Amino acid sequence: MKLIMKIFLLMFLLIIVACQENEELTVSENNQIVENIEDVNKDEDEHEHDEDKDHEHEDEEAHDDEHGITEFLEVYNVPGIKNLLDLSWPREVEAMNGTITIDEKPEKILTISTGHDEMIFGFANLNKIVGVTSFSQSPGGNIYELTKDMPTISSEIETIVAQNPDIVFADPYANTNLMQSLVDLGITVVQTQLNNTSEGRINDILFAAYVLDELEGSMMLIDAINEQIEFIEFMKSNIGDIDLDKNILSVTYYDAYWAAGSGSTEGSIIELAGYNNIASEKGVESNNMITKESLIDMSPDVIAIPQSVEWGGQDFYDSLLSDENFSSIPAVVNNKVFMVNTSHFTTLSHFNILGSIDLIDLIEPNFFDDVERPILKACYQCYE
């Protein structure tokens, strides 16, 4: 009997001990669960805090970008835009074809002008450009690599409408009936000048960028253009006024001799390079016909031929050197007759600036071979 009581008492003690251990384990597990919950809550709080900081950083960056754009634009007064700093919608501009209202940011852009193609490719998001002119797709052109696989636009309205553009840019030479037909179809058309001067080019860029809400990209392009201009000034300062005092004639021959006078694209290239545009000094305005006698009388120190081989440039070059009537012209005597890059000399865009550098390099060969040069890209946002 005593043995049974001892066994029963021992079992009772074992049960009590087991219950205590189980209770301690339960408390420990509960404590661990609480700790885990606290850790999760802490992680969530930290994540939310990090997200708040990220949003705050993004807001700060957006504010800084807006402030940077505003600060950049303050120094410009662009013809056709009342207030370049008013970035709200709708936007209103004065273009060659009248007052144009753009209700919202265009998403599908198209131009019927090579000059506008090259300009807008320089600063816009290329995903928004739905077609280009055939001249922009010419091998060796300034934006050929970017345009070669894109839809081609012609003067046929069907090629334009097929791309369903929100907006179309046109140059001063665009067909009036074509533009009106596009407007009748509800497509916004903006016809603008394409200026020859460096200041005018920048105004053209800002005007188009304002219309398209691509001002941030335009800042990058304008900075690059200014670097090119600074480099040209550097070249001129190293050459010196005496060597820059040369009479340059830009001339082509098709059915007659055509000289680039005052207000011409080629003339602006000559003047930016620091040389004398002899055709302008002789009273030639824009690109105009001159006689053979006038060409000889101008007696240029340098002749630039902005005419491709395909369009007879080589034949004209050869005739200048072989015709005895031209033998007394200083450019011929001193072998200073050059066929120049037509993509830089004849286009109506900021790539003309490279024409000035080309001209200096031709007249002063090897002078700046060891100098690092700034780069002018075909696009600055590209497909961002």
Protein backbone atom coordinates (compact mmCIF):
# COMPACT_ATOMS: atom_id res chain seq x y z
CA MET A 1 0.00 0.00 0.00
CA LYS A 2 2.78 2.37 0.91
CA LEU A 3 4.51 1.54 -2.31
CA ILE A 4 1.39 2.45 -4.30
CA MET A 5 1.08 5.78 -2.46
CA LYS A 6 4.72 6.61 -3.22
CA ILE A 7 4.24 5.81 -6.89
CA PHE A 8 1.09 7.94 -7.03
CA LEU A 9 2.86 10.85 -5.30
CA LEU A 10 5.82 10.61 -7.71
CA MET A 11 3.51 10.68 -10.71
CA PHE A 12 1.68 13.69 -9.29
CA LEU A 13 4.98 15.56 -8.89
CA LEU A 14 6.03 14.69 -12.42
CA ILE A 15 2.72 16.05 -13.78
CA ILE A 16 3.20 19.34 -11.89
CA VAL A 17 6.75 19.73 -13.23
CA ALA A 18 5.60 19.00 -16.79
CA CYS A 19 2.82 21.59 -16.53
CA GLN A 20 5.24 24.21 -15.29
CA GLU A 21 7.67 23.52 -18.16
CA ASN A 22 4.81 23.69 -20.69
CA GLU A 23 3.64 26.99 -19.24
CA GLU A 24 7.17 28.40 -19.45
CA LEU A 25 7.46 27.20 -23.04
CA THR A 26 4.10 28.79 -23.91
CA VAL A 27 5.17 32.09 -22.34
CA SER A 28 8.47 31.92 -24.21
CA GLU A 29 6.68 31.24 -27.51
CA ASN A 30 4.24 34.07 -26.85
CA ASN A 31 7.12 36.41 -26.10
CA GLN A 32 8.85 35.34 -29.32
CA ILE A 33 5.66 35.99 -31.32
CA VAL A 34 5.34 39.44 -29.77
CA GLU A 35 8.98 40.16 -30.61
CA ASN A 36 8.43 38.99 -34.19
CA ILE A 37 5.37 41.21 -34.55
CA GLU A 38 7.32 44.15 -33.18
CA ASP A 39 10.14 43.45 -35.65
CA VAL A 40 7.66 43.28 -38.55
CA ASN A 41 6.03 46.53 -37.46
CA LYS A 42 9.46 48.12 -37.14
CA ASP A 43 10.42 46.93 -40.64
CA GLU A 44 7.14 48.25 -42.05
CA ASP A 45 7.67 51.59 -40.32
CA GLU A 46 11.22 51.79 -41.68
CA HIS A 47 10.00 50.85 -45.18
CA GLU A 48 7.26 53.47 -45.05
CA HIS A 49 9.81 55.99 -43.83
CA ASP A 50 12.15 55.08 -46.68
CA GLU A 51 9.29 55.42 -49.16
CA ASP A 52 8.40 58.81 -47.71
CA LYS A 53 12.04 59.86 -48.05
CA ASP A 54 12.11 58.59 -51.66
CA HIS A 55 8.95 60.54 -52.53
CA GLU A 56 10.36 63.58 -50.78
CA HIS A 57 13.61 63.19 -52.76
CA GLU A 58 11.66 62.82 -56.02
CA ASP A 59 9.62 65.93 -55.20
CA GLU A 60 12.83 67.81 -54.45
CA GLU A 61 14.37 66.66 -57.74
CA ALA A 62 11.25 67.68 -59.68
CA HIS A 63 11.30 71.06 -57.96
CA ASP A 64 15.02 71.46 -58.70
CA ASP A 65 14.44 70.53 -62.36
CA GLU A 66 11.60 73.04 -62.64
CA HIS A 67 13.71 75.70 -60.95
CA GLY A 68 16.63 74.88 -63.25
CA ILE A 69 14.47 75.18 -66.36
CA THR A 70 12.98 78.46 -65.13
CA GLU A 71 16.42 79.87 -64.36
CA PHE A 72 17.66 78.78 -67.79
CA LEU A 73 14.71 80.30 -69.65
CA GLU A 74 14.79 83.66 -67.88
CA VAL A 75 17.57 84.98 -70.12
CA TYR A 76 15.68 84.30 -73.37
CA ASN A 77 13.02 86.34 -75.12
CA VAL A 78 11.65 84.16 -77.90
CA PRO A 79 9.60 85.85 -80.64
CA GLY A 80 6.10 84.39 -80.84
CA ILE A 81 5.88 83.41 -77.16
CA LYS A 82 4.41 85.91 -74.72
CA ASN A 83 5.75 84.27 -71.58
CA LEU A 84 8.27 81.47 -71.93
CA LEU A 85 8.01 80.79 -68.18
CA ASP A 86 4.28 80.02 -68.34
CA LEU A 87 4.37 76.24 -68.67
CA SER A 88 0.66 75.63 -68.12
CA TRP A 89 -1.78 74.24 -70.70
CA PRO A 90 -3.20 75.22 -73.10
CA ARG A 91 -0.31 77.11 -74.69
CA GLU A 92 -0.61 79.81 -77.30
CA VAL A 93 2.07 80.91 -79.76
CA GLU A 94 2.29 83.26 -82.72
CA ALA A 95 3.56 81.30 -85.71
CA MET A 96 3.90 82.21 -89.38
CA ASN A 97 0.43 80.75 -89.98
CA GLY A 98 -1.21 82.77 -87.21
CA THR A 99 -2.09 82.27 -83.56
CA ILE A 100 -1.84 78.59 -82.66
CA THR A 101 -3.32 77.03 -79.51
CA ILE A 102 -1.95 73.74 -78.26
CA ASP A 103 -4.40 72.24 -75.77
CA GLU A 104 -2.13 69.59 -74.28
CA LYS A 105 1.30 68.06 -74.67
CA PRO A 106 1.58 66.49 -78.15
CA GLU A 107 2.30 62.77 -78.13
CA LYS A 108 2.71 62.20 -81.89
CA ILE A 109 5.05 64.62 -83.65
CA LEU A 110 5.76 65.00 -87.33
CA THR A 111 7.46 67.59 -89.53
CA ILE A 112 7.41 68.26 -93.27
CA SER A 113 10.78 70.02 -93.15
CA THR A 114 14.30 68.59 -92.95
CA GLY A 115 15.43 71.55 -90.85
CA HIS A 116 12.68 70.88 -88.32
CA ASP A 117 13.50 67.16 -88.37
CA GLU A 118 17.12 67.83 -87.41
CA MET A 119 16.20 70.42 -84.80
CA ILE A 120 13.46 68.42 -83.06
CA PHE A 121 15.49 65.20 -83.13
CA GLY A 122 18.11 67.13 -81.19
CA PHE A 123 15.98 67.70 -78.10
CA ALA A 124 12.77 65.62 -78.20
CA ASN A 125 11.93 62.10 -77.09
CA LEU A 126 12.24 60.21 -80.38
CA ASN A 127 9.51 57.75 -79.38
CA LYS A 128 7.06 60.56 -80.07
CA ILE A 129 8.26 61.29 -83.61
CA VAL A 130 6.08 59.29 -86.01
CA GLY A 131 7.70 60.10 -89.36
CA VAL A 132 10.42 62.09 -91.15
CA THR A 133 11.09 63.66 -94.53
CA SER A 134 12.92 61.68 -97.19
CA PHE A 135 15.84 64.17 -97.15
CA SER A 136 16.44 63.34 -93.48
CA GLN A 137 16.91 59.72 -94.52
CA SER A 138 19.66 60.49 -97.03
CA PRO A 139 22.87 58.51 -96.32
CA GLY A 140 25.47 60.85 -94.90
CA GLY A 141 22.80 63.19 -93.51
CA ASN A 142 23.01 64.60 -90.01
CA ILE A 143 20.34 62.29 -88.55
CA TYR A 144 20.42 59.42 -91.05
CA GLU A 145 21.24 56.69 -88.51
CA LEU A 146 18.23 57.71 -86.41
CA THR A 147 15.77 58.07 -89.30
CA LYS A 148 16.68 55.37 -91.81
CA ASP A 149 14.05 52.90 -90.57
CA MET A 150 11.28 55.38 -89.80
CA PRO A 151 8.13 56.05 -91.87
CA THR A 152 8.80 58.49 -94.71
CA ILE A 153 6.71 61.62 -95.17
CA SER A 154 6.25 63.32 -98.52
CA SER A 155 4.15 66.22 -99.82
CA GLU A 156 1.34 63.73 -100.36
CA ILE A 157 -1.18 64.31 -97.58
CA GLU A 158 -1.93 60.59 -97.31
CA THR A 159 1.58 59.88 -96.02
CA ILE A 160 1.06 62.41 -93.26
CA VAL A 161 -2.47 61.44 -92.21
CA ALA A 162 -1.46 57.77 -92.10
CA GLN A 163 0.78 58.53 -89.11
CA ASN A 164 -2.08 60.17 -87.18
CA PRO A 165 0.04 63.06 -85.81
CA ASP A 166 -1.11 65.43 -83.05
CA ILE A 167 1.04 68.20 -84.47
CA VAL A 168 2.92 68.99 -87.68
CA PHE A 169 5.78 71.48 -88.06
CA ALA A 170 6.27 73.25 -91.39
CA ASP A 171 8.93 75.62 -92.71
CA PRO A 172 8.31 78.88 -94.65
CA TYR A 173 8.37 77.01 -97.96
CA ALA A 174 5.59 74.55 -97.11
CA ASN A 175 2.63 74.19 -99.45
CA THR A 176 -0.20 76.41 -98.20
CA ASN A 177 -2.94 74.11 -99.50
CA LEU A 178 -1.32 71.12 -97.79
CA MET A 179 -1.19 72.93 -94.46
CA GLN A 180 -4.83 74.04 -94.73
CA SER A 181 -5.94 70.50 -95.58
CA LEU A 182 -4.22 69.21 -92.44
CA VAL A 183 -5.90 71.89 -90.34
CA ASP A 184 -9.27 70.97 -91.86
CA LEU A 185 -8.66 67.42 -90.67
CA GLY A 186 -8.16 68.67 -87.11
CA ILE A 187 -4.36 68.41 -87.09
CA THR A 188 -2.45 71.27 -85.44
CA VAL A 189 0.04 72.84 -87.88
CA VAL A 190 2.82 75.16 -86.72
CA GLN A 191 4.71 76.98 -89.46
CA THR A 192 7.91 78.65 -88.29
CA GLN A 193 10.97 80.41 -89.61
CA LEU A 194 14.30 78.59 -89.62
CA ASN A 195 16.83 81.29 -88.85
CA ASN A 196 20.43 81.48 -90.05
CA THR A 197 22.11 83.12 -87.07
CA SER A 198 23.22 81.31 -83.91
CA GLU A 199 20.83 83.37 -81.80
CA GLY A 200 18.03 82.70 -84.26
CA ARG A 201 18.70 78.97 -84.20
CA ILE A 202 18.42 78.91 -80.42
CA ASN A 203 15.14 80.84 -80.56
CA ASP A 204 13.84 78.32 -83.11
CA ILE A 205 14.73 75.47 -80.75
CA LEU A 206 13.08 77.10 -77.74
CA PHE A 207 9.94 77.91 -79.73
CA ALA A 208 9.50 74.30 -80.85
CA ALA A 209 10.45 72.92 -77.42
CA TYR A 210 7.87 75.16 -75.73
CA VAL A 211 5.16 73.92 -78.10
CA LEU A 212 6.14 70.30 -77.49
CA ASP A 213 6.85 70.66 -73.74
CA GLU A 214 10.41 69.43 -74.27
CA LEU A 215 12.28 72.33 -72.69
CA GLU A 216 14.53 70.14 -70.55
CA GLY A 217 15.87 68.42 -73.66
CA SER A 218 16.28 71.77 -75.39
CA MET A 219 18.54 72.93 -72.56
CA MET A 220 20.95 70.08 -73.31
CA LEU A 221 20.97 70.87 -77.03
CA ILE A 222 21.44 74.60 -76.49
CA ASP A 223 24.31 73.98 -74.05
CA ALA A 224 25.97 71.82 -76.72
CA ILE A 225 25.47 74.52 -79.36
CA ASN A 226 27.00 77.13 -77.08
CA GLU A 227 30.02 74.85 -76.57
CA GLN A 228 30.47 74.71 -80.35
CA ILE A 229 30.25 78.49 -80.60
CA GLU A 230 32.80 78.87 -77.80
CA PHE A 231 35.11 76.51 -79.70
CA ILE A 232 34.73 78.59 -82.86
CA GLU A 233 35.67 81.69 -80.88
CA PHE A 234 38.68 79.81 -79.54
CA MET A 235 39.71 78.90 -83.08
CA LYS A 236 39.31 82.50 -84.26
CA SER A 237 41.33 83.91 -81.36
CA ASN A 238 44.19 81.55 -82.17
CA ILE A 239 44.14 82.31 -85.89
CA GLY A 240 44.18 86.07 -85.36
CA ASP A 241 42.52 88.95 -87.17
CA ILE A 242 45.12 89.18 -89.96
CA ASP A 243 44.61 85.59 -91.13
CA LEU A 244 40.84 85.89 -90.72
CA ASP A 245 40.79 88.86 -93.11
CA LYS A 246 40.01 86.69 -96.11
CA ASN A 247 37.26 87.05 -98.71
CA ILE A 248 35.23 83.86 -98.98
CA LEU A 249 32.76 83.08 -101.76
CA SER A 250 30.21 80.31 -101.45
CA VAL A 251 29.08 79.49 -104.97
CA THR A 252 27.37 76.68 -106.88
CA TYR A 253 26.58 76.07 -110.51
CA TYR A 254 23.37 74.53 -111.83
CA ASP A 255 21.77 76.44 -114.71
CA ALA A 256 23.82 79.48 -113.68
CA TYR A 257 26.29 80.64 -111.02
CA TRP A 258 24.57 81.02 -107.66
CA ALA A 259 26.31 82.99 -104.91
CA ALA A 260 25.39 83.06 -101.21
CA GLY A 261 24.93 86.67 -100.19
CA SER A 262 23.58 88.49 -97.14
CA GLY A 263 20.95 86.58 -95.19
CA SER A 264 21.88 83.24 -96.74
CA THR A 265 22.66 80.10 -94.77
CA GLU A 266 26.09 79.77 -96.33
CA GLY A 267 26.77 83.46 -95.70
CA SER A 268 25.99 83.06 -92.00
CA ILE A 269 28.45 80.14 -91.84
CA ILE A 270 31.21 82.27 -93.37
CA GLU A 271 30.51 85.15 -91.00
CA LEU A 272 30.35 82.96 -87.87
CA ALA A 273 33.77 81.58 -88.83
CA GLY A 274 35.07 85.17 -88.79
CA TYR A 275 35.72 85.61 -92.51
CA ASN A 276 34.36 88.15 -95.02
CA ASN A 277 31.43 87.08 -97.16
CA ILE A 278 32.52 88.74 -100.40
CA ALA A 279 29.18 88.14 -102.15
CA SER A 280 27.37 90.07 -99.42
CA GLU A 281 29.91 92.88 -99.63
CA LYS A 282 29.27 93.06 -103.39
CA GLY A 283 25.54 93.49 -102.81
CA VAL A 284 24.27 89.93 -103.36
CA GLU A 285 21.21 89.15 -101.25
CA SER A 286 20.21 85.65 -100.17
CA ASN A 287 21.12 82.97 -102.74
CA ASN A 288 21.13 84.72 -106.06
CA MET A 289 22.42 84.38 -109.59
CA ILE A 290 25.62 86.12 -110.58
CA THR A 291 27.45 86.33 -113.88
CA LYS A 292 30.77 84.73 -114.63
CA GLU A 293 32.25 88.22 -114.81
CA SER A 294 30.92 89.01 -111.34
CA LEU A 295 32.51 85.87 -109.94
CA ILE A 296 35.87 86.87 -111.40
CA ASP A 297 35.47 90.46 -110.19
CA MET A 298 34.83 89.32 -106.62
CA SER A 299 38.35 87.82 -106.66
CA PRO A 300 37.77 85.59 -103.61
CA ASP A 301 40.66 84.28 -101.53
CA VAL A 302 38.72 81.09 -100.87
CA ILE A 303 35.87 79.45 -102.79
CA ALA A 304 33.51 77.05 -101.02
CA ILE A 305 31.28 74.81 -103.18
CA PRO A 306 28.28 73.50 -101.17
CA GLN A 307 27.17 71.20 -103.98
CA SER A 308 27.23 67.41 -103.87
CA VAL A 309 28.92 65.24 -106.46
CA GLU A 310 25.52 63.82 -107.42
CA TRP A 311 24.30 67.33 -108.25
CA GLY A 312 27.32 68.36 -110.29
CA GLY A 313 29.63 69.68 -107.58
CA GLN A 314 32.69 67.82 -108.84
CA ASP A 315 32.12 69.00 -112.41
CA PHE A 316 31.87 72.59 -111.23
CA TYR A 317 35.03 72.22 -109.13
CA ASP A 318 36.92 70.85 -112.12
CA SER A 319 35.72 73.67 -114.38
CA LEU A 320 36.86 76.34 -111.92
CA LEU A 321 40.37 74.93 -111.93
CA SER A 322 40.56 74.29 -115.68
CA ASP A 323 38.87 77.39 -117.12
CA GLU A 324 41.53 79.94 -118.09
CA ASN A 325 39.11 82.77 -117.32
CA PHE A 326 39.34 81.88 -113.63
CA SER A 327 43.10 81.48 -113.53
CA SER A 328 43.74 84.88 -111.93
CA ILE A 329 41.36 84.37 -108.99
CA PRO A 330 43.42 84.09 -105.77
CA ALA A 331 41.45 81.03 -104.62
CA VAL A 332 42.36 79.22 -107.82
CA VAL A 333 45.98 80.43 -107.82
CA ASN A 334 46.53 79.30 -104.21
CA ASN A 335 44.55 76.07 -104.48
CA LYS A 336 41.91 77.28 -102.02
CA VAL A 337 38.85 75.93 -103.80
CA PHE A 338 36.97 73.43 -101.63
CA MET A 339 33.97 71.18 -101.96
CA VAL A 340 32.32 71.40 -98.54
CA ASN A 341 30.01 69.15 -96.54
CA THR A 342 26.53 69.93 -97.83
CA SER A 343 24.92 68.42 -94.71
CA HIS A 344 26.52 71.25 -92.73
CA PHE A 345 26.40 74.04 -95.30
CA THR A 346 22.92 73.78 -96.82
CA THR A 347 20.66 72.42 -94.10
CA LEU A 348 18.43 74.81 -92.17
CA SER A 349 19.32 73.72 -88.67
CA HIS A 350 21.91 74.12 -85.90
CA PHE A 351 24.24 71.75 -87.80
CA ASN A 352 25.27 74.84 -89.80
CA ILE A 353 27.52 75.67 -86.86
CA LEU A 354 29.67 72.68 -87.79
CA GLY A 355 30.00 74.24 -91.25
CA SER A 356 31.91 77.14 -89.70
CA ILE A 357 34.32 74.70 -88.06
CA ASP A 358 34.66 72.81 -91.34
CA LEU A 359 35.53 76.04 -93.14
CA ILE A 360 38.22 77.04 -90.64
CA ASP A 361 39.74 73.54 -90.83
CA LEU A 362 39.88 73.72 -94.63
CA ILE A 363 41.52 77.14 -94.67
CA GLU A 364 43.85 76.38 -91.74
CA PRO A 365 44.59 72.64 -92.15
CA ASN A 366 46.16 70.81 -89.19
CA PHE A 367 46.07 73.98 -87.05
CA PHE A 368 43.76 72.44 -84.46
CA ASP A 369 44.46 68.73 -84.91
CA ASP A 370 45.68 68.27 -81.34
CA VAL A 371 42.85 70.24 -79.72
CA GLU A 372 40.00 68.38 -78.03
CA ARG A 373 36.72 69.33 -79.66
CA PRO A 374 33.22 69.48 -78.20
CA ILE A 375 30.72 67.00 -79.62
CA LEU A 376 27.38 67.94 -81.18
CA LYS A 377 25.10 64.91 -80.95
CA ALA A 378 22.19 64.16 -83.25
CA CYS A 379 19.95 63.63 -80.21
CA TYR A 380 20.18 64.36 -76.49
CA GLN A 381 17.11 62.63 -75.11
CA CYS A 382 16.94 60.06 -77.89
CA TYR A 383 14.51 57.35 -76.73
CA GLU A 384 14.22 58.28 -73.04
